[in-house]
């Protein structure tokens, strides 16, 4: 299970701890292809899917890439948190390819331009600045093998993270949309 999936499931289980206090229902299913969790409450709803076949991040999957499965676990998730005060939607999928990191980065630099300026970072991408003036910044780690491409705004962004894996590469496609 990747870190993002673990984080989202932690959020779901933390919300589940509130079930007795706020009177909500939980529906958990585990199938051969993944898991789904739905929590409905008067305060809002949480939905987590790891059984999604075609995740729509708004970006195409690199030609010839295959979904990544580690330790028998699916490496994708579709998470929705929705309340009247705020909402978060995160769609994330991991893939692997026999192609080199540079070829995959070149492909996504072109594809992501349709969403605006693309920031490239060997390290972590973040947002800094005051309200209404937040901009993308790169927290560089020159020794990192991971390269991230990011486009969009803090509220609506697409991220591609690519790293070497053996003679090929693995990469993640992530879409984040927040409100409130």
C-alpha atoms as a PDB file:
ATOM      1  CA  UNK A   1       0.000   0.000   0.000  1.00  0.00           C
ATOM      2  CA  UNK A   2       1.502   3.362  -0.928  1.00  0.00           C
ATOM      3  CA  UNK A   3       1.855   6.267   1.503  1.00  0.00           C
ATOM      4  CA  UNK A   4      -1.058   8.199  -0.019  1.00  0.00           C
ATOM      5  CA  UNK A   5      -3.411   5.226   0.278  1.00  0.00           C
ATOM      6  CA  UNK A   6      -2.297   4.662   3.876  1.00  0.00           C
ATOM      7  CA  UNK A   7      -2.902   8.344   4.688  1.00  0.00           C
ATOM      8  CA  UNK A   8      -6.356   8.296   3.150  1.00  0.00           C
ATOM      9  CA  UNK A   9      -7.304   5.089   4.938  1.00  0.00           C
ATOM     10  CA  UNK A  10      -6.036   6.602   8.213  1.00  0.00           C
ATOM     11  CA  UNK A  11      -8.395   9.525   7.624  1.00  0.00           C
ATOM     12  CA  UNK A  12     -11.261   7.126   7.017  1.00  0.00           C
ATOM     13  CA  UNK A  13     -10.573   5.130  10.174  1.00  0.00           C
ATOM     14  CA  UNK A  14     -10.206   8.301  12.244  1.00  0.00           C
ATOM     15  CA  UNK A  15     -13.605   9.404  10.962  1.00  0.00           C
ATOM     16  CA  UNK A  16     -14.949   5.959  11.805  1.00  0.00           C
ATOM     17  CA  UNK A  17     -14.016   6.520  15.438  1.00  0.00           C
ATOM     18  CA  UNK A  18     -16.634   9.273  15.504  1.00  0.00           C
ATOM     19  CA  UNK A  19     -19.440   6.905  14.417  1.00  0.00           C
ATOM     20  CA  UNK A  20     -20.982   6.338  17.847  1.00  0.00           C
ATOM     21  CA  UNK A  21     -20.847  10.025  18.726  1.00  0.00           C
ATOM     22  CA  UNK A  22     -22.478  11.426  15.596  1.00  0.00           C
ATOM     23  CA  UNK A  23     -24.650   8.574  14.384  1.00  0.00           C
ATOM     24  CA  UNK A  24     -23.390   7.642  10.946  1.00  0.00           C
ATOM     25  CA  UNK A  25     -23.133   4.516   8.850  1.00  0.00           C
ATOM     26  CA  UNK A  26     -20.043   2.726   7.571  1.00  0.00           C
ATOM     27  CA  UNK A  27     -19.978   0.385   4.620  1.00  0.00           C
ATOM     28  CA  UNK A  28     -16.723  -1.524   3.974  1.00  0.00           C
ATOM     29  CA  UNK A  29     -16.170  -3.952   1.091  1.00  0.00           C
ATOM     30  CA  UNK A  30     -13.056  -5.910   0.255  1.00  0.00           C
ATOM     31  CA  UNK A  31     -12.978  -7.493  -3.168  1.00  0.00           C
ATOM     32  CA  UNK A  32     -10.304  -9.262  -5.170  1.00  0.00           C
ATOM     33  CA  UNK A  33      -9.388  -5.996  -6.904  1.00  0.00           C
ATOM     34  CA  UNK A  34      -9.271  -3.697  -3.826  1.00  0.00           C
ATOM     35  CA  UNK A  35     -11.208  -2.065  -1.054  1.00  0.00           C
ATOM     36  CA  UNK A  36     -14.042   0.408  -0.796  1.00  0.00           C
ATOM     37  CA  UNK A  37     -15.117   2.301   2.307  1.00  0.00           C
ATOM     38  CA  UNK A  38     -18.084   4.640   2.627  1.00  0.00           C
ATOM     39  CA  UNK A  39     -18.855   6.670   5.721  1.00  0.00           C
ATOM     40  CA  UNK A  40     -22.010   8.761   5.786  1.00  0.00           C
ATOM     41  CA  UNK A  41     -22.800  11.135   8.637  1.00  0.00           C
ATOM     42  CA  UNK A  42     -24.722  14.324   9.328  1.00  0.00           C
ATOM     43  CA  UNK A  43     -21.365  16.154   9.249  1.00  0.00           C
ATOM     44  CA  UNK A  44     -20.295  14.850   5.850  1.00  0.00           C
ATOM     45  CA  UNK A  45     -19.309  11.830   3.827  1.00  0.00           C
ATOM     46  CA  UNK A  46     -16.049   9.997   3.186  1.00  0.00           C
ATOM     47  CA  UNK A  47     -15.553   7.588   0.307  1.00  0.00           C
ATOM     48  CA  UNK A  48     -12.373   5.620  -0.422  1.00  0.00           C
ATOM     49  CA  UNK A  49     -11.967   3.309  -3.415  1.00  0.00           C
ATOM     50  CA  UNK A  50      -8.884   1.260  -4.192  1.00  0.00           C
ATOM     51  CA  UNK A  51     -10.822  -0.990  -6.553  1.00  0.00           C
ATOM     52  CA  UNK A  52     -11.058   1.546  -9.362  1.00  0.00           C
ATOM     53  CA  UNK A  53      -9.990   0.239 -12.769  1.00  0.00           C
ATOM     54  CA  UNK A  54      -9.772   3.501 -14.740  1.00  0.00           C
ATOM     55  CA  UNK A  55      -8.818   6.475 -12.591  1.00  0.00           C
ATOM     56  CA  UNK A  56      -9.355   9.856 -14.225  1.00  0.00           C
ATOM     57  CA  UNK A  57      -6.570  12.207 -13.190  1.00  0.00           C
ATOM     58  CA  UNK A  58      -7.020  14.243 -16.358  1.00  0.00           C
ATOM     59  CA  UNK A  59      -3.698  12.932 -17.639  1.00  0.00           C
ATOM     60  CA  UNK A  60      -3.170  10.045 -20.046  1.00  0.00           C
ATOM     61  CA  UNK A  61      -1.268   6.988 -18.900  1.00  0.00           C
ATOM     62  CA  UNK A  62       2.173   6.824 -20.471  1.00  0.00           C
ATOM     63  CA  UNK A  63       2.049   4.492 -23.507  1.00  0.00           C
ATOM     64  CA  UNK A  64       2.932   0.914 -22.593  1.00  0.00           C
ATOM     65  CA  UNK A  65       2.897   1.536 -18.827  1.00  0.00           C
ATOM     66  CA  UNK A  66       1.283  -1.033 -16.543  1.00  0.00           C
ATOM     67  CA  UNK A  67      -0.468  -0.501 -13.196  1.00  0.00           C
ATOM     68  CA  UNK A  68       1.949  -1.063 -10.317  1.00  0.00           C
ATOM     69  CA  UNK A  69       1.139  -3.679  -7.682  1.00  0.00           C
ATOM     70  CA  UNK A  70       3.421  -4.070  -4.708  1.00  0.00           C
ATOM     71  CA  UNK A  71       3.011  -6.744  -2.052  1.00  0.00           C
ATOM     72  CA  UNK A  72      -0.239  -7.810  -3.748  1.00  0.00           C
ATOM     73  CA  UNK A  73      -1.796  -4.420  -3.014  1.00  0.00           C
ATOM     74  CA  UNK A  74      -3.289  -2.060  -5.565  1.00  0.00           C
ATOM     75  CA  UNK A  75      -1.409   1.183  -5.894  1.00  0.00           C
ATOM     76  CA  UNK A  76      -4.339   3.426  -6.703  1.00  0.00           C
ATOM     77  CA  UNK A  77      -7.034   5.275  -4.815  1.00  0.00           C
ATOM     78  CA  UNK A  78     -10.008   7.548  -5.365  1.00  0.00           C
ATOM     79  CA  UNK A  79     -10.800   9.430  -2.152  1.00  0.00           C
ATOM     80  CA  UNK A  80     -13.623  11.908  -1.569  1.00  0.00           C
ATOM     81  CA  UNK A  81     -14.285  13.836   1.626  1.00  0.00           C
ATOM     82  CA  UNK A  82     -17.385  15.994   1.375  1.00  0.00           C
ATOM     83  CA  UNK A  83     -19.143  18.221   3.889  1.00  0.00           C
ATOM     84  CA  UNK A  84     -20.961  21.499   3.695  1.00  0.00           C
ATOM     85  CA  UNK A  85     -17.825  23.279   4.965  1.00  0.00           C
ATOM     86  CA  UNK A  86     -15.089  21.729   2.852  1.00  0.00           C
ATOM     87  CA  UNK A  87     -14.310  19.029   0.340  1.00  0.00           C
ATOM     88  CA  UNK A  88     -11.276  17.140  -0.893  1.00  0.00           C
ATOM     89  CA  UNK A  89     -10.996  14.816  -3.866  1.00  0.00           C
ATOM     90  CA  UNK A  90      -7.753  12.929  -4.444  1.00  0.00           C
ATOM     91  CA  UNK A  91      -7.212  10.510  -7.302  1.00  0.00           C
ATOM     92  CA  UNK A  92      -3.871   8.734  -7.368  1.00  0.00           C
ATOM     93  CA  UNK A  93      -2.471   5.867  -9.418  1.00  0.00           C
ATOM     94  CA  UNK A  94       0.966   4.258  -9.710  1.00  0.00           C
ATOM     95  CA  UNK A  95       2.403   2.725 -12.852  1.00  0.00           C
ATOM     96  CA  UNK A  96       5.605   1.128 -14.056  1.00  0.00           C
ATOM     97  CA  UNK A  97       7.324   1.247 -17.425  1.00  0.00           C
ATOM     98  CA  UNK A  98      10.385  -0.247 -19.060  1.00  0.00           C
ATOM     99  CA  UNK A  99      11.235   3.232 -20.381  1.00  0.00           C
ATOM    100  CA  UNK A 100      13.786   5.562 -18.798  1.00  0.00           C
ATOM    101  CA  UNK A 101      12.764   8.324 -16.400  1.00  0.00           C
ATOM    102  CA  UNK A 102      13.709  11.060 -18.916  1.00  0.00           C
ATOM    103  CA  UNK A 103      11.337   9.721 -21.599  1.00  0.00           C
ATOM    104  CA  UNK A 104       8.410   9.631 -19.176  1.00  0.00           C
ATOM    105  CA  UNK A 105       9.178  13.137 -17.900  1.00  0.00           C
ATOM    106  CA  UNK A 106       9.374  14.443 -21.481  1.00  0.00           C
ATOM    107  CA  UNK A 107       5.936  12.921 -22.240  1.00  0.00           C
ATOM    108  CA  UNK A 108       4.290  14.475 -19.170  1.00  0.00           C
ATOM    109  CA  UNK A 109       5.920  17.900 -19.613  1.00  0.00           C
ATOM    110  CA  UNK A 110       4.039  18.119 -22.937  1.00  0.00           C
ATOM    111  CA  UNK A 111       0.770  16.643 -21.630  1.00  0.00           C
ATOM    112  CA  UNK A 112       0.602  18.839 -18.525  1.00  0.00           C
ATOM    113  CA  UNK A 113       1.043  22.120 -20.434  1.00  0.00           C
ATOM    114  CA  UNK A 114      -2.678  22.047 -21.274  1.00  0.00           C
ATOM    115  CA  UNK A 115      -3.297  22.839 -17.572  1.00  0.00           C
ATOM    116  CA  UNK A 116      -0.857  25.774 -17.348  1.00  0.00           C
ATOM    117  CA  UNK A 117       2.740  26.322 -16.351  1.00  0.00           C
ATOM    118  CA  UNK A 118       4.559  23.144 -15.367  1.00  0.00           C
ATOM    119  CA  UNK A 119       6.922  23.285 -12.391  1.00  0.00           C
ATOM    120  CA  UNK A 120       9.652  20.653 -12.365  1.00  0.00           C
ATOM    121  CA  UNK A 121      11.293  19.734  -9.095  1.00  0.00           C
ATOM    122  CA  UNK A 122      13.892  17.259  -7.913  1.00  0.00           C
ATOM    123  CA  UNK A 123      12.544  17.211  -4.377  1.00  0.00           C
ATOM    124  CA  UNK A 124       9.127  18.240  -3.053  1.00  0.00           C
ATOM    125  CA  UNK A 125       6.640  20.686  -4.568  1.00  0.00           C
ATOM    126  CA  UNK A 126       4.753  22.976  -2.187  1.00  0.00           C
ATOM    127  CA  UNK A 127       2.834  26.266  -2.078  1.00  0.00           C
ATOM    128  CA  UNK A 128       3.998  29.409  -0.279  1.00  0.00           C
ATOM    129  CA  UNK A 129       2.766  32.944   0.111  1.00  0.00           C
ATOM    130  CA  UNK A 130      -0.139  34.847   1.588  1.00  0.00           C
ATOM    131  CA  UNK A 131      -3.804  34.360   0.919  1.00  0.00           C
ATOM    132  CA  UNK A 132      -4.582  34.973  -2.745  1.00  0.00           C
ATOM    133  CA  UNK A 133      -0.870  35.077  -3.617  1.00  0.00           C
ATOM    134  CA  UNK A 134       0.221  31.480  -3.112  1.00  0.00           C
ATOM    135  CA  UNK A 135       2.714  30.190  -5.628  1.00  0.00           C
ATOM    136  CA  UNK A 136       4.382  26.889  -6.400  1.00  0.00           C
ATOM    137  CA  UNK A 137       7.844  26.408  -4.937  1.00  0.00           C
ATOM    138  CA  UNK A 138      10.327  23.580  -5.176  1.00  0.00           C
ATOM    139  CA  UNK A 139      12.005  22.318  -2.011  1.00  0.00           C
ATOM    140  CA  UNK A 140      15.083  20.997  -3.811  1.00  0.00           C
ATOM    141  CA  UNK A 141      16.856  17.815  -2.816  1.00  0.00           C
ATOM    142  CA  UNK A 142      19.622  17.497  -5.422  1.00  0.00           C
ATOM    143  CA  UNK A 143      20.483  13.946  -4.347  1.00  0.00           C
ATOM    144  CA  UNK A 144      16.886  12.754  -4.879  1.00  0.00           C
ATOM    145  CA  UNK A 145      16.159  10.335  -7.701  1.00  0.00           C
ATOM    146  CA  UNK A 146      12.514  11.448  -7.698  1.00  0.00           C
ATOM    147  CA  UNK A 147      11.386  14.176 -10.073  1.00  0.00           C
ATOM    148  CA  UNK A 148       7.989  15.835  -9.698  1.00  0.00           C
ATOM    149  CA  UNK A 149       6.075  17.787 -12.299  1.00  0.00           C
ATOM    150  CA  UNK A 150       3.211  19.929 -11.027  1.00  0.00           C
ATOM    151  CA  UNK A 151       0.649  22.165 -12.664  1.00  0.00           C
ATOM    152  CA  UNK A 152      -2.429  23.977 -11.468  1.00  0.00           C
ATOM    153  CA  UNK A 153      -3.294  25.848  -8.304  1.00  0.00           C
ATOM    154  CA  UNK A 154      -3.270  24.884  -4.655  1.00  0.00           C
ATOM    155  CA  UNK A 155      -6.987  24.094  -4.891  1.00  0.00           C
ATOM    156  CA  UNK A 156      -6.786  22.142  -8.136  1.00  0.00           C
ATOM    157  CA  UNK A 157      -3.554  20.489  -9.166  1.00  0.00           C
ATOM    158  CA  UNK A 158      -2.068  17.628 -11.077  1.00  0.00           C
ATOM    159  CA  UNK A 159       1.214  16.036 -10.064  1.00  0.00           C
ATOM    160  CA  UNK A 160       3.389  13.460 -11.789  1.00  0.00           C
ATOM    161  CA  UNK A 161       6.214  11.920  -9.743  1.00  0.00           C
ATOM    162  CA  UNK A 162       8.750   9.768 -11.602  1.00  0.00           C
ATOM    163  CA  UNK A 163      11.629   7.706 -10.246  1.00  0.00           C
ATOM    164  CA  UNK A 164      13.974   5.048 -11.535  1.00  0.00           C
ATOM    165  CA  UNK A 165      13.001   1.432 -10.906  1.00  0.00           C
ATOM    166  CA  UNK A 166      15.519  -1.158 -12.017  1.00  0.00           C
ATOM    167  CA  UNK A 167      16.205  -0.591 -15.712  1.00  0.00           C
ATOM    168  CA  UNK A 168      12.891   1.267 -16.121  1.00  0.00           C
ATOM    169  CA  UNK A 169      10.780   3.678 -14.098  1.00  0.00           C
ATOM    170  CA  UNK A 170       7.781   3.939 -11.830  1.00  0.00           C
ATOM    171  CA  UNK A 171       5.539   6.949 -11.732  1.00  0.00           C
ATOM    172  CA  UNK A 172       2.490   8.302  -9.955  1.00  0.00           C
ATOM    173  CA  UNK A 173      -0.316  10.386 -11.416  1.00  0.00           C
ATOM    174  CA  UNK A 174      -2.183  12.485  -8.840  1.00  0.00           C
ATOM    175  CA  UNK A 175      -5.155  14.839  -9.109  1.00  0.00           C
ATOM    176  CA  UNK A 176      -6.160  16.969  -6.104  1.00  0.00           C
ATOM    177  CA  UNK A 177      -9.249  19.188  -5.955  1.00  0.00           C
ATOM    178  CA  UNK A 178     -10.186  21.012  -2.739  1.00  0.00           C
ATOM    179  CA  UNK A 179     -12.883  23.475  -1.765  1.00  0.00           C
ATOM    180  CA  UNK A 180     -13.642  25.438   1.371  1.00  0.00           C
END
